[in-house]
PDB file of all heavy atoms in Angstrom:
ATOM      1  N   GLY A   1     -94.269 -59.113  15.002  1.00  0.00           N
ATOM      2  CA  GLY A   1     -95.601 -58.757  14.708  1.00  0.00           C
ATOM      3  C   GLY A   1     -96.467 -58.403  15.914  1.00  0.00           C
ATOM      4  O   GLY A   1     -97.562 -57.895  15.788  1.00  0.00           O
ATOM      5  N   GLU A   2     -95.984 -58.752  17.129  1.00  0.00           N
ATOM      6  CA  GLU A   2     -96.727 -58.397  18.350  1.00  0.00           C
ATOM      7  C   GLU A   2     -96.791 -56.914  18.529  1.00  0.00           C
ATOM      8  O   GLU A   2     -95.884 -56.214  18.125  1.00  0.00           O
ATOM      9  CB  GLU A   2     -96.152 -59.090  19.579  1.00  0.00           C
ATOM     10  CG  GLU A   2     -96.357 -60.551  19.578  1.00  0.00           C
ATOM     11  CD  GLU A   2     -95.843 -61.275  20.839  1.00  0.00           C
ATOM     12  OE1 GLU A   2     -94.991 -60.638  21.569  1.00  0.00           O
ATOM     13  OE2 GLU A   2     -96.275 -62.374  21.148  1.00  0.00           O
ATOM     14  N   PRO A   3     -97.901 -56.350  19.124  1.00  0.00           N
ATOM     15  CA  PRO A   3     -98.019 -54.938  19.241  1.00  0.00           C
ATOM     16  C   PRO A   3     -97.047 -54.245  20.123  1.00  0.00           C
ATOM     17  O   PRO A   3     -96.722 -54.769  21.192  1.00  0.00           O
ATOM     18  CB  PRO A   3     -99.495 -54.771  19.745  1.00  0.00           C
ATOM     19  CG  PRO A   3     -99.815 -56.045  20.408  1.00  0.00           C
ATOM     20  CD  PRO A   3     -99.067 -57.109  19.655  1.00  0.00           C
ATOM     21  N   VAL A   4     -96.626 -53.070  19.704  1.00  0.00           N
ATOM     22  CA  VAL A   4     -95.821 -52.175  20.533  1.00  0.00           C
ATOM     23  C   VAL A   4     -96.680 -50.920  20.806  1.00  0.00           C
ATOM     24  O   VAL A   4     -97.169 -50.325  19.880  1.00  0.00           O
ATOM     25  CB  VAL A   4     -94.524 -51.794  19.823  1.00  0.00           C
ATOM     26  CG1 VAL A   4     -93.763 -50.705  20.632  1.00  0.00           C
ATOM     27  CG2 VAL A   4     -93.614 -53.013  19.612  1.00  0.00           C
ATOM     28  N   LEU A   5     -96.848 -50.606  22.058  1.00  0.00           N
ATOM     29  CA  LEU A   5     -97.789 -49.566  22.456  1.00  0.00           C
ATOM     30  C   LEU A   5     -97.121 -48.344  22.996  1.00  0.00           C
ATOM     31  O   LEU A   5     -96.083 -48.430  23.694  1.00  0.00           O
ATOM     32  CB  LEU A   5     -98.774 -50.128  23.543  1.00  0.00           C
ATOM     33  CG  LEU A   5     -99.415 -51.501  23.198  1.00  0.00           C
ATOM     34  CD1 LEU A   5    -100.267 -51.978  24.385  1.00  0.00           C
ATOM     35  CD2 LEU A   5    -100.238 -51.446  21.906  1.00  0.00           C
ATOM     36  N   ALA A   6     -97.686 -47.176  22.797  1.00  0.00           N
ATOM     37  CA  ALA A   6     -97.163 -45.948  23.388  1.00  0.00           C
ATOM     38  C   ALA A   6     -97.323 -46.004  24.901  1.00  0.00           C
ATOM     39  O   ALA A   6     -98.396 -46.321  25.425  1.00  0.00           O
ATOM     40  CB  ALA A   6     -97.880 -44.706  22.839  1.00  0.00           C
ATOM     41  N   ALA A   7     -96.290 -45.657  25.618  1.00  0.00           N
ATOM     42  CA  ALA A   7     -96.305 -45.801  27.098  1.00  0.00           C
ATOM     43  C   ALA A   7     -97.007 -44.637  27.715  1.00  0.00           C
ATOM     44  O   ALA A   7     -97.396 -44.726  28.913  1.00  0.00           O
ATOM     45  CB  ALA A   7     -94.857 -45.934  27.642  1.00  0.00           C
ATOM     46  N   SER A   8     -97.259 -43.559  26.991  1.00  0.00           N
ATOM     47  CA  SER A   8     -97.957 -42.420  27.527  1.00  0.00           C
ATOM     48  C   SER A   8     -98.335 -41.500  26.387  1.00  0.00           C
ATOM     49  O   SER A   8     -97.815 -41.698  25.224  1.00  0.00           O
ATOM     50  CB  SER A   8     -97.066 -41.654  28.537  1.00  0.00           C
ATOM     51  OG  SER A   8     -97.903 -40.654  29.212  1.00  0.00           O
ATOM     52  N   ASP A   9     -99.224 -40.507  26.597  1.00  0.00           N
ATOM     53  CA  ASP A   9     -99.519 -39.608  25.563  1.00  0.00           C
ATOM     54  C   ASP A   9     -98.278 -38.783  25.119  1.00  0.00           C
ATOM     55  O   ASP A   9     -97.421 -38.552  25.899  1.00  0.00           O
ATOM     56  CB  ASP A   9    -100.565 -38.533  26.120  1.00  0.00           C
ATOM     57  CG  ASP A   9    -101.897 -39.171  26.481  1.00  0.00           C
ATOM     58  OD1 ASP A   9    -102.065 -40.344  26.193  1.00  0.00           O
ATOM     59  OD2 ASP A   9    -102.735 -38.463  27.068  1.00  0.00           O
ATOM     60  N   GLY A  10     -98.308 -38.445  23.862  1.00  0.00           N
ATOM     61  CA  GLY A  10     -97.143 -37.656  23.376  1.00  0.00           C
ATOM     62  C   GLY A  10     -97.185 -37.407  21.935  1.00  0.00           C
ATOM     63  O   GLY A  10     -98.189 -37.612  21.238  1.00  0.00           O
ATOM     64  N   LYS A  11     -96.075 -36.996  21.365  1.00  0.00           N
ATOM     65  CA  LYS A  11     -95.928 -36.637  19.990  1.00  0.00           C
ATOM     66  C   LYS A  11     -94.743 -37.377  19.404  1.00  0.00           C
ATOM     67  O   LYS A  11     -93.687 -37.424  20.009  1.00  0.00           O
ATOM     68  CB  LYS A  11     -95.708 -35.139  19.754  1.00  0.00           C
ATOM     69  CG  LYS A  11     -95.616 -34.717  18.330  1.00  0.00           C
ATOM     70  CD  LYS A  11     -95.469 -33.221  18.220  1.00  0.00           C
ATOM     71  CE  LYS A  11     -95.390 -32.758  16.757  1.00  0.00           C
ATOM     72  NZ  LYS A  11     -95.228 -31.311  16.645  1.00  0.00           N
ATOM     73  N   VAL A  12     -94.909 -38.063  18.236  1.00  0.00           N
ATOM     74  CA  VAL A  12     -93.835 -38.774  17.586  1.00  0.00           C
ATOM     75  C   VAL A  12     -92.807 -37.735  17.005  1.00  0.00           C
ATOM     76  O   VAL A  12     -93.219 -36.941  16.198  1.00  0.00           O
ATOM     77  CB  VAL A  12     -94.397 -39.680  16.489  1.00  0.00           C
ATOM     78  CG1 VAL A  12     -93.167 -40.375  15.774  1.00  0.00           C
ATOM     79  CG2 VAL A  12     -95.337 -40.681  17.007  1.00  0.00           C
ATOM     80  N   VAL A  13     -91.587 -37.799  17.490  1.00  0.00           N
ATOM     81  CA  VAL A  13     -90.561 -36.875  17.019  1.00  0.00           C
ATOM     82  C   VAL A  13     -89.571 -37.581  16.148  1.00  0.00           C
ATOM     83  O   VAL A  13     -88.725 -36.945  15.515  1.00  0.00           O
ATOM     84  CB  VAL A  13     -89.850 -36.137  18.214  1.00  0.00           C
ATOM     85  CG1 VAL A  13     -90.834 -35.277  18.943  1.00  0.00           C
ATOM     86  CG2 VAL A  13     -89.207 -37.170  19.174  1.00  0.00           C
ATOM     87  N   TYR A  14     -89.617 -38.930  16.073  1.00  0.00           N
ATOM     88  CA  TYR A  14     -88.722 -39.623  15.172  1.00  0.00           C
ATOM     89  C   TYR A  14     -89.375 -40.995  14.847  1.00  0.00           C
ATOM     90  O   TYR A  14     -89.918 -41.684  15.720  1.00  0.00           O
ATOM     91  CB  TYR A  14     -87.361 -39.856  15.806  1.00  0.00           C
ATOM     92  CG  TYR A  14     -86.442 -40.634  14.856  1.00  0.00           C
ATOM     93  CD1 TYR A  14     -85.730 -39.959  13.854  1.00  0.00           C
ATOM     94  CD2 TYR A  14     -86.278 -41.986  15.000  1.00  0.00           C
ATOM     95  CE1 TYR A  14     -84.891 -40.664  13.019  1.00  0.00           C
ATOM     96  CE2 TYR A  14     -85.444 -42.730  14.164  1.00  0.00           C
ATOM     97  CZ  TYR A  14     -84.776 -42.050  13.188  1.00  0.00           C
ATOM     98  OH  TYR A  14     -83.938 -42.734  12.312  1.00  0.00           O
ATOM     99  N   ALA A  15     -89.333 -41.400  13.603  1.00  0.00           N
ATOM    100  CA  ALA A  15     -89.754 -42.681  13.165  1.00  0.00           C
ATOM    101  C   ALA A  15     -88.895 -43.081  11.927  1.00  0.00           C
ATOM    102  O   ALA A  15     -89.060 -42.551  10.825  1.00  0.00           O
ATOM    103  CB  ALA A  15     -91.246 -42.686  12.757  1.00  0.00           C
ATOM    104  N   GLY A  16     -87.930 -43.949  12.171  1.00  0.00           N
ATOM    105  CA  GLY A  16     -87.047 -44.332  11.082  1.00  0.00           C
ATOM    106  C   GLY A  16     -85.994 -45.311  11.554  1.00  0.00           C
ATOM    107  O   GLY A  16     -86.122 -45.967  12.613  1.00  0.00           O
ATOM    108  N   ASN A  17     -84.918 -45.444  10.828  1.00  0.00           N
ATOM    109  CA  ASN A  17     -83.902 -46.434  11.109  1.00  0.00           C
ATOM    110  C   ASN A  17     -82.455 -45.914  10.922  1.00  0.00           C
ATOM    111  O   ASN A  17     -81.545 -46.665  10.533  1.00  0.00           O
ATOM    112  CB  ASN A  17     -84.083 -47.679  10.302  1.00  0.00           C
ATOM    113  CG  ASN A  17     -84.071 -47.416   8.800  1.00  0.00           C
ATOM    114  OD1 ASN A  17     -83.791 -46.326   8.385  1.00  0.00           O
ATOM    115  ND2 ASN A  17     -84.308 -48.448   7.984  1.00  0.00           N
ATOM    116  N   SER A  18     -82.254 -44.640  11.218  1.00  0.00           N
ATOM    117  CA  SER A  18     -80.951 -44.075  10.965  1.00  0.00           C
ATOM    118  C   SER A  18     -79.980 -44.150  12.193  1.00  0.00           C
ATOM    119  O   SER A  18     -78.842 -43.792  12.106  1.00  0.00           O
ATOM    120  CB  SER A  18     -81.038 -42.586  10.544  1.00  0.00           C
ATOM    121  OG  SER A  18     -81.557 -41.780  11.581  1.00  0.00           O
ATOM    122  N   LEU A  19     -80.528 -44.644  13.359  1.00  0.00           N
ATOM    123  CA  LEU A  19     -79.647 -44.778  14.558  1.00  0.00           C
ATOM    124  C   LEU A  19     -79.160 -46.207  14.605  1.00  0.00           C
ATOM    125  O   LEU A  19     -79.905 -47.148  14.821  1.00  0.00           O
ATOM    126  CB  LEU A  19     -80.442 -44.459  15.816  1.00  0.00           C
ATOM    127  CG  LEU A  19     -80.484 -42.979  16.280  1.00  0.00           C
ATOM    128  CD1 LEU A  19     -81.479 -42.228  15.361  1.00  0.00           C
ATOM    129  CD2 LEU A  19     -80.894 -42.823  17.692  1.00  0.00           C
ATOM    130  N   ARG A  20     -77.868 -46.337  14.396  1.00  0.00           N
ATOM    131  CA  ARG A  20     -77.236 -47.692  14.358  1.00  0.00           C
ATOM    132  C   ARG A  20     -77.455 -48.406  15.658  1.00  0.00           C
ATOM    133  O   ARG A  20     -77.303 -47.827  16.744  1.00  0.00           O
ATOM    134  CB  ARG A  20     -75.762 -47.507  14.081  1.00  0.00           C
ATOM    135  CG  ARG A  20     -75.020 -48.825  13.868  1.00  0.00           C
ATOM    136  CD  ARG A  20     -73.556 -48.572  13.603  1.00  0.00           C
ATOM    137  NE  ARG A  20     -73.376 -47.661  12.465  1.00  0.00           N
ATOM    138  CZ  ARG A  20     -72.178 -47.143  12.104  1.00  0.00           C
ATOM    139  NH1 ARG A  20     -71.101 -47.382  12.854  1.00  0.00           N
ATOM    140  NH2 ARG A  20     -72.114 -46.305  11.048  1.00  0.00           N
ATOM    141  N   GLY A  21     -77.868 -49.658  15.566  1.00  0.00           N
ATOM    142  CA  GLY A  21     -78.114 -50.440  16.740  1.00  0.00           C
ATOM    143  C   GLY A  21     -79.530 -50.411  17.311  1.00  0.00           C
ATOM    144  O   GLY A  21     -79.849 -51.169  18.208  1.00  0.00           O
ATOM    145  N   TYR A  22     -80.332 -49.565  16.705  1.00  0.00           N
ATOM    146  CA  TYR A  22     -81.747 -49.467  17.201  1.00  0.00           C
ATOM    147  C   TYR A  22     -82.737 -50.078  16.176  1.00  0.00           C
ATOM    148  O   TYR A  22     -83.922 -50.268  16.513  1.00  0.00           O
ATOM    149  CB  TYR A  22     -82.103 -48.030  17.449  1.00  0.00           C
ATOM    150  CG  TYR A  22     -81.568 -47.473  18.729  1.00  0.00           C
ATOM    151  CD1 TYR A  22     -80.288 -46.941  18.789  1.00  0.00           C
ATOM    152  CD2 TYR A  22     -82.368 -47.460  19.911  1.00  0.00           C
ATOM    153  CE1 TYR A  22     -79.768 -46.427  19.981  1.00  0.00           C
ATOM    154  CE2 TYR A  22     -81.885 -46.921  21.089  1.00  0.00           C
ATOM    155  CZ  TYR A  22     -80.562 -46.399  21.119  1.00  0.00           C
ATOM    156  OH  TYR A  22     -80.007 -45.878  22.279  1.00  0.00           O
ATOM    157  N   GLY A  23     -82.317 -50.331  14.977  1.00  0.00           N
ATOM    158  CA  GLY A  23     -83.235 -50.864  13.974  1.00  0.00           C
ATOM    159  C   GLY A  23     -84.352 -49.832  13.642  1.00  0.00           C
ATOM    160  O   GLY A  23     -84.078 -48.641  13.686  1.00  0.00           O
ATOM    161  N   ASN A  24     -85.511 -50.294  13.391  1.00  0.00           N
ATOM    162  CA  ASN A  24     -86.654 -49.460  13.169  1.00  0.00           C
ATOM    163  C   ASN A  24     -87.115 -48.850  14.492  1.00  0.00           C
ATOM    164  O   ASN A  24     -87.577 -49.620  15.327  1.00  0.00           O
ATOM    165  CB  ASN A  24     -87.810 -50.231  12.455  1.00  0.00           C
ATOM    166  CG  ASN A  24     -87.438 -50.655  11.055  1.00  0.00           C
ATOM    167  OD1 ASN A  24     -86.697 -49.961  10.363  1.00  0.00           O
ATOM    168  ND2 ASN A  24     -87.968 -51.793  10.665  1.00  0.00           N
ATOM    169  N   LEU A  25     -87.008 -47.560  14.615  1.00  0.00           N
ATOM    170  CA  LEU A  25     -87.185 -46.903  15.898  1.00  0.00           C
ATOM    171  C   LEU A  25     -88.270 -45.860  15.888  1.00  0.00           C
ATOM    172  O   LEU A  25     -88.413 -45.139  14.917  1.00  0.00           O
ATOM    173  CB  LEU A  25     -85.827 -46.237  16.285  1.00  0.00           C
ATOM    174  CG  LEU A  25     -85.765 -45.343  17.460  1.00  0.00           C
ATOM    175  CD1 LEU A  25     -85.902 -46.159  18.779  1.00  0.00           C
ATOM    176  CD2 LEU A  25     -84.434 -44.559  17.494  1.00  0.00           C
ATOM    177  N   VAL A  26     -88.983 -45.789  16.995  1.00  0.00           N
ATOM    178  CA  VAL A  26     -89.974 -44.742  17.213  1.00  0.00           C
ATOM    179  C   VAL A  26     -89.539 -44.004  18.473  1.00  0.00           C
ATOM    180  O   VAL A  26     -89.232 -44.616  19.497  1.00  0.00           O
ATOM    181  CB  VAL A  26     -91.431 -45.259  17.359  1.00  0.00           C
ATOM    182  CG1 VAL A  26     -92.357 -44.118  17.687  1.00  0.00           C
ATOM    183  CG2 VAL A  26     -91.862 -45.986  16.115  1.00  0.00           C
TER     184      VAL A  26
END
């Protein structure tokens, strides 16, 4: 539940969980 912050300005190109071993990924 702790916040995860964008490390720099940008555009989200993926948000999901289809990459095995990464879980819920941005």
